[in-house]
């Protein structure tokens, strides 16, 4: 299941597809439009560099020994993780170290490691004990018959523990079970408040209701940022950068919409863009319907396993 999810949201493929579409449009356009088409390609390339910097974005966090702790408690099975990447050129040594040693450098997210970081943050958000995961109106709502029926739990099959074959039992044996990150009351309040305003285009729920892998991963990232002293502005700015790498076509489209309104991507309000009006499934649908020639390619929007 996890392999399907990662493959489906493979950021580089969607970006390559968008680039190929643009290249074909230029190649087969009429001669008298070639100059305008070339200018449009340049503009789109500049926009893409603004939203998805090719050099990546440094996050205001260090990973420390969290990988080793996740392995120790069984929330990540390193053998399963390695097997997942076996058919993708192998498990990069620098990522293997994040499961074994103290990684004290700031994390940099790029087009190429976004999927891997998604998995790490997903494991952290799922396994770390936090009151948000106990909310009886959301993840623990009796109407859903337990938290184990969501994509963020049943879809996590890279853990150790008893399994029913679907992965649900394995994930739930770690769900909200391990004190990996300790937050002060102020830090918890910050995570709670910000998580309620960060949406994802695969559904209509906020990070406070992390029913899919992206939501659970974002929760883990918010917890880690808060614990390491990040403030609200930096948390929103970082969350927008990360969401952009996880949903590249979505945020390229939103950036195009903003450009049509005369607002450069560097000047948007991360808090506003991450809110319901832009980043939820309904909000993105509204925005994309108003975009002239939106970027093409997969938007990485589904949250099913």
Foldseek 3Di string as FASTA:
>chain_A
DLLVLLVLLQLVVQVVVLVVVLVVCLVPPDPVCNVVSVVVSVVLVVQLCVQAPQVFAFAPFWLFQLLCVCVVVFLAPVVLVQVSCVVVVTDDPVVVCSNPGTGGDTDTDHSRCLSVLLLVLLSQLFQAAACLCVDCVACVPVVVVHNLVFQSQLVRQRGDDDDPVSRSVRRVVRGNHDNSFDADPVLNVLLCVLQQFAAAQLAQHGLSRQRFSNSSSLSSVSRRCSRVPDDNQSSLVVSSSSSCSSFVLLVSLVQQLCVVVVHHPVRDRSSVCRGNLHHYNVNSVVSNVPGDPRRDGDRSRHGHD
